[in-house]
Amino acid sequence: MITKDKTWINKESGEPVLILRVAKTYVTYQNAQGDIGSKHPMIFLQDFEEQGE
C-alpha cells in the first residue's frame, strides 16, 4: 500500500523517492535531488517498489 512519508524505489534506476501525498487519482513523490513528480497510483506501482521488499 502506498502511504505518506514512506520511501519507495524506482525499479528502473534504483533511486529512492519519498511519498509526499497520496490521493485517489495521484501519488506525489520527491526524489533525492528535490524534484517532485506525480503519477496515477496504478502507474506508480508499475514503476516503483516499496523499500525493503
PDB file of N, CA and C in Angstrom:
ATOM      1  N   MET A   1       0.849  -1.193   0.000  1.00  0.00           N
ATOM      2  CA  MET A   1       0.000   0.000   0.000  1.00  0.00           C
ATOM      3  C   MET A   1       0.887   1.247   0.000  1.00  0.00           C
ATOM      4  N   ILE A   2       0.489   2.222  -0.764  1.00  0.00           N
ATOM      5  CA  ILE A   2       1.244   3.468  -0.856  1.00  0.00           C
ATOM      6  C   ILE A   2       0.805   4.368   0.297  1.00  0.00           C
ATOM      7  N   THR A   3       1.753   4.742   1.160  1.00  0.00           N
ATOM      8  CA  THR A   3       1.416   5.624   2.274  1.00  0.00           C
ATOM      9  C   THR A   3       2.419   6.768   2.363  1.00  0.00           C
ATOM     10  N   LYS A   4       1.930   7.903   2.879  1.00  0.00           N
ATOM     11  CA  LYS A   4       2.724   9.118   3.015  1.00  0.00           C
ATOM     12  C   LYS A   4       3.951   8.862   3.893  1.00  0.00           C
ATOM     13  N   ASP A   5       5.041   9.544   3.565  1.00  0.00           N
ATOM     14  CA  ASP A   5       6.295   9.508   4.320  1.00  0.00           C
ATOM     15  C   ASP A   5       7.026   8.172   4.249  1.00  0.00           C
ATOM     16  N   LYS A   6       6.642   7.306   3.315  1.00  0.00           N
ATOM     17  CA  LYS A   6       7.360   6.046   3.100  1.00  0.00           C
ATOM     18  C   LYS A   6       8.307   6.237   1.916  1.00  0.00           C
ATOM     19  N   THR A   7       9.390   5.477   1.910  1.00  0.00           N
ATOM     20  CA  THR A   7      10.343   5.525   0.804  1.00  0.00           C
ATOM     21  C   THR A   7      10.078   4.366  -0.142  1.00  0.00           C
ATOM     22  N   TRP A   8       9.997   4.690  -1.432  1.00  0.00           N
ATOM     23  CA  TRP A   8       9.841   3.675  -2.477  1.00  0.00           C
ATOM     24  C   TRP A   8      11.045   3.777  -3.402  1.00  0.00           C
ATOM     25  N   ILE A   9      11.290   2.713  -4.149  1.00  0.00           N
ATOM     26  CA  ILE A   9      12.462   2.644  -5.024  1.00  0.00           C
ATOM     27  C   ILE A   9      12.015   2.550  -6.482  1.00  0.00           C
ATOM     28  N   ASN A  10      12.621   3.398  -7.332  1.00  0.00           N
ATOM     29  CA  ASN A  10      12.354   3.338  -8.766  1.00  0.00           C
ATOM     30  C   ASN A  10      12.939   2.034  -9.298  1.00  0.00           C
ATOM     31  N   LYS A  11      12.103   1.202  -9.903  1.00  0.00           N
ATOM     32  CA  LYS A  11      12.543  -0.115 -10.380  1.00  0.00           C
ATOM     33  C   LYS A  11      13.624   0.001 -11.453  1.00  0.00           C
ATOM     34  N   GLU A  12      13.557   1.033 -12.276  1.00  0.00           N
ATOM     35  CA  GLU A  12      14.496   1.181 -13.385  1.00  0.00           C
ATOM     36  C   GLU A  12      15.850   1.731 -12.932  1.00  0.00           C
ATOM     37  N   SER A  13      15.830   2.797 -12.126  1.00  0.00           N
ATOM     38  CA  SER A  13      17.083   3.468 -11.752  1.00  0.00           C
ATOM     39  C   SER A  13      17.603   3.073 -10.376  1.00  0.00           C
ATOM     40  N   GLY A  14      16.743   2.491  -9.549  1.00  0.00           N
ATOM     41  CA  GLY A  14      17.147   2.163  -8.187  1.00  0.00           C
ATOM     42  C   GLY A  14      17.132   3.360  -7.260  1.00  0.00           C
ATOM     43  N   GLU A  15      16.662   4.497  -7.772  1.00  0.00           N
ATOM     44  CA  GLU A  15      16.640   5.737  -6.995  1.00  0.00           C
ATOM     45  C   GLU A  15      15.482   5.741  -5.997  1.00  0.00           C
ATOM     46  N   PRO A  16      15.751   6.125  -4.739  1.00  0.00           N
ATOM     47  CA  PRO A  16      14.661   6.216  -3.760  1.00  0.00           C
ATOM     48  C   PRO A  16      13.847   7.496  -3.934  1.00  0.00           C
ATOM     49  N   VAL A  17      12.560   7.404  -3.655  1.00  0.00           N
ATOM     50  CA  VAL A  17      11.693   8.588  -3.625  1.00  0.00           C
ATOM     51  C   VAL A  17      10.875   8.552  -2.339  1.00  0.00           C
ATOM     52  N   LEU A  18      10.537   9.726  -1.837  1.00  0.00           N
ATOM     53  CA  LEU A  18       9.724   9.861  -0.642  1.00  0.00           C
ATOM     54  C   LEU A  18       8.307  10.236  -1.048  1.00  0.00           C
ATOM     55  N   ILE A  19       7.329   9.529  -0.520  1.00  0.00           N
ATOM     56  CA  ILE A  19       5.929   9.829  -0.834  1.00  0.00           C
ATOM     57  C   ILE A  19       5.491  11.065  -0.060  1.00  0.00           C
ATOM     58  N   LEU A  20       5.018  12.081  -0.782  1.00  0.00           N
ATOM     59  CA  LEU A  20       4.573  13.323  -0.154  1.00  0.00           C
ATOM     60  C   LEU A  20       3.064  13.343   0.079  1.00  0.00           C
ATOM     61  N   ARG A  21       2.321  12.799  -0.889  1.00  0.00           N
ATOM     62  CA  ARG A  21       0.863  12.844  -0.786  1.00  0.00           C
ATOM     63  C   ARG A  21       0.266  11.694  -1.576  1.00  0.00           C
ATOM     64  N   VAL A  22      -0.782  11.122  -1.028  1.00  0.00           N
ATOM     65  CA  VAL A  22      -1.478  10.031  -1.703  1.00  0.00           C
ATOM     66  C   VAL A  22      -2.952  10.410  -1.818  1.00  0.00           C
ATOM     67  N   ALA A  23      -3.457  10.388  -3.033  1.00  0.00           N
ATOM     68  CA  ALA A  23      -4.875  10.656  -3.271  1.00  0.00           C
ATOM     69  C   ALA A  23      -5.419   9.542  -4.166  1.00  0.00           C
ATOM     70  N   LYS A  24      -6.707   9.588  -4.410  1.00  0.00           N
ATOM     71  CA  LYS A  24      -7.339   8.522  -5.193  1.00  0.00           C
ATOM     72  C   LYS A  24      -6.798   8.458  -6.615  1.00  0.00           C
ATOM     73  N   THR A  25      -6.495   9.613  -7.195  1.00  0.00           N
ATOM     74  CA  THR A  25      -6.096   9.641  -8.603  1.00  0.00           C
ATOM     75  C   THR A  25      -4.631   9.985  -8.838  1.00  0.00           C
ATOM     76  N   TYR A  26      -3.862  10.258  -7.786  1.00  0.00           N
ATOM     77  CA  TYR A  26      -2.446  10.561  -7.985  1.00  0.00           C
ATOM     78  C   TYR A  26      -1.627  10.303  -6.728  1.00  0.00           C
ATOM     79  N   VAL A  27      -0.338  10.062  -6.947  1.00  0.00           N
ATOM     80  CA  VAL A  27       0.648   9.940  -5.878  1.00  0.00           C
ATOM     81  C   VAL A  27       1.710  11.000  -6.170  1.00  0.00           C
ATOM     82  N   THR A  28       2.006  11.839  -5.191  1.00  0.00           N
ATOM     83  CA  THR A  28       3.041  12.852  -5.347  1.00  0.00           C
ATOM     84  C   THR A  28       4.267  12.398  -4.568  1.00  0.00           C
ATOM     85  N   TYR A  29       5.423  12.493  -5.205  1.00  0.00           N
ATOM     86  CA  TYR A  29       6.648  11.996  -4.584  1.00  0.00           C
ATOM     87  C   TYR A  29       7.810  12.920  -4.902  1.00  0.00           C
ATOM     88  N   GLN A  30       8.898  12.814  -4.117  1.00  0.00           N
ATOM     89  CA  GLN A  30      10.076  13.660  -4.286  1.00  0.00           C
ATOM     90  C   GLN A  30      11.320  12.786  -4.273  1.00  0.00           C
ATOM     91  N   ASN A  31      12.244  13.054  -5.196  1.00  0.00           N
ATOM     92  CA  ASN A  31      13.488  12.288  -5.221  1.00  0.00           C
ATOM     93  C   ASN A  31      14.563  13.004  -4.410  1.00  0.00           C
ATOM     94  N   ALA A  32      15.742  12.404  -4.344  1.00  0.00           N
ATOM     95  CA  ALA A  32      16.833  12.933  -3.521  1.00  0.00           C
ATOM     96  C   ALA A  32      17.303  14.311  -3.983  1.00  0.00           C
ATOM     97  N   GLN A  33      17.123  14.624  -5.273  1.00  0.00           N
ATOM     98  CA  GLN A  33      17.529  15.936  -5.801  1.00  0.00           C
ATOM     99  C   GLN A  33      16.493  17.022  -5.523  1.00  0.00           C
ATOM    100  N   GLY A  34      15.349  16.632  -4.948  1.00  0.00           N
ATOM    101  CA  GLY A  34      14.304  17.596  -4.634  1.00  0.00           C
ATOM    102  C   GLY A  34      13.266  17.746  -5.730  1.00  0.00           C
ATOM    103  N   ASP A  35      13.410  16.959  -6.811  1.00  0.00           N
ATOM    104  CA  ASP A  35      12.428  17.022  -7.893  1.00  0.00           C
ATOM    105  C   ASP A  35      11.136  16.354  -7.436  1.00  0.00           C
ATOM    106  N   ILE A  36      10.014  16.995  -7.733  1.00  0.00           N
ATOM    107  CA  ILE A  36       8.715  16.447  -7.346  1.00  0.00           C
ATOM    108  C   ILE A  36       7.996  15.923  -8.579  1.00  0.00           C
ATOM    109  N   GLY A  37       7.427  14.739  -8.442  1.00  0.00           N
ATOM    110  CA  GLY A  37       6.692  14.121  -9.536  1.00  0.00           C
ATOM    111  C   GLY A  37       5.336  13.659  -9.051  1.00  0.00           C
ATOM    112  N   SER A  38       4.463  13.342  -9.989  1.00  0.00           N
ATOM    113  CA  SER A  38       3.129  12.874  -9.650  1.00  0.00           C
ATOM    114  C   SER A  38       2.692  11.859 -10.695  1.00  0.00           C
ATOM    115  N   LYS A  39       2.096  10.759 -10.236  1.00  0.00           N
ATOM    116  CA  LYS A  39       1.616   9.720 -11.149  1.00  0.00           C
ATOM    117  C   LYS A  39       0.329   9.135 -10.608  1.00  0.00           C
ATOM    118  N   HIS A  40      -0.452   8.559 -11.507  1.00  0.00           N
ATOM    119  CA  HIS A  40      -1.617   7.790 -11.082  1.00  0.00           C
ATOM    120  C   HIS A  40      -1.114   6.600 -10.267  1.00  0.00           C
ATOM    121  N   PRO A  41      -1.821   6.220  -9.193  1.00  0.00           N
ATOM    122  CA  PRO A  41      -1.338   5.113  -8.344  1.00  0.00           C
ATOM    123  C   PRO A  41      -1.042   3.814  -9.095  1.00  0.00           C
ATOM    124  N   MET A  42      -1.825   3.473 -10.100  1.00  0.00           N
ATOM    125  CA  MET A  42      -1.581   2.232 -10.843  1.00  0.00           C
ATOM    126  C   MET A  42      -0.265   2.315 -11.623  1.00  0.00           C
ATOM    127  N   ILE A  43       0.030   3.484 -12.182  1.00  0.00           N
ATOM    128  CA  ILE A  43       1.287   3.691 -12.908  1.00  0.00           C
ATOM    129  C   ILE A  43       2.448   3.709 -11.916  1.00  0.00           C
ATOM    130  N   PHE A  44       2.233   4.367 -10.780  1.00  0.00           N
ATOM    131  CA  PHE A  44       3.271   4.429  -9.746  1.00  0.00           C
ATOM    132  C   PHE A  44       3.689   3.020  -9.313  1.00  0.00           C
ATOM    133  N   LEU A  45       2.718   2.141  -9.118  1.00  0.00           N
ATOM    134  CA  LEU A  45       3.008   0.773  -8.681  1.00  0.00           C
ATOM    135  C   LEU A  45       3.759  -0.032  -9.747  1.00  0.00           C
ATOM    136  N   GLN A  46       3.578   0.337 -11.021  1.00  0.00           N
ATOM    137  CA  GLN A  46       4.332  -0.326 -12.088  1.00  0.00           C
ATOM    138  C   GLN A  46       5.790   0.129 -12.113  1.00  0.00           C
ATOM    139  N   ASP A  47       6.032   1.387 -11.743  1.00  0.00           N
ATOM    140  CA  ASP A  47       7.365   1.988 -11.858  1.00  0.00           C
ATOM    141  C   ASP A  47       8.198   1.909 -10.587  1.00  0.00           C
ATOM    142  N   PHE A  48       7.536   1.734  -9.435  1.00  0.00           N
ATOM    143  CA  PHE A  48       8.240   1.773  -8.149  1.00  0.00           C
ATOM    144  C   PHE A  48       7.904   0.549  -7.314  1.00  0.00           C
ATOM    145  N   GLU A  49       8.809   0.202  -6.400  1.00  0.00           N
ATOM    146  CA  GLU A  49       8.545  -0.875  -5.449  1.00  0.00           C
ATOM    147  C   GLU A  49       8.826  -0.372  -4.048  1.00  0.00           C
ATOM    148  N   GLU A  50       8.110  -0.924  -3.082  1.00  0.00           N
ATOM    149  CA  GLU A  50       8.269  -0.488  -1.706  1.00  0.00           C
ATOM    150  C   GLU A  50       9.653  -0.880  -1.198  1.00  0.00           C
ATOM    151  N   GLN A  51      10.289   0.023  -0.471  1.00  0.00           N
ATOM    152  CA  GLN A  51      11.610  -0.261   0.061  1.00  0.00           C
ATOM    153  C   GLN A  51      11.531  -1.425   1.048  1.00  0.00           C
ATOM    154  N   GLY A  52      12.480  -2.333   0.947  1.00  0.00           N
ATOM    155  CA  GLY A  52      12.536  -3.444   1.865  1.00  0.00           C
ATOM    156  C   GLY A  52      11.857  -4.710   1.362  1.00  0.00           C
ATOM    157  N   GLU A  53      11.273  -4.670   0.151  1.00  0.00           N
ATOM    158  CA  GLU A  53      10.629  -5.864  -0.384  1.00  0.00           C
ATOM    159  C   GLU A  53      11.635  -6.756  -1.083  1.00  0.00           C
TER     160      GLU A  53
END
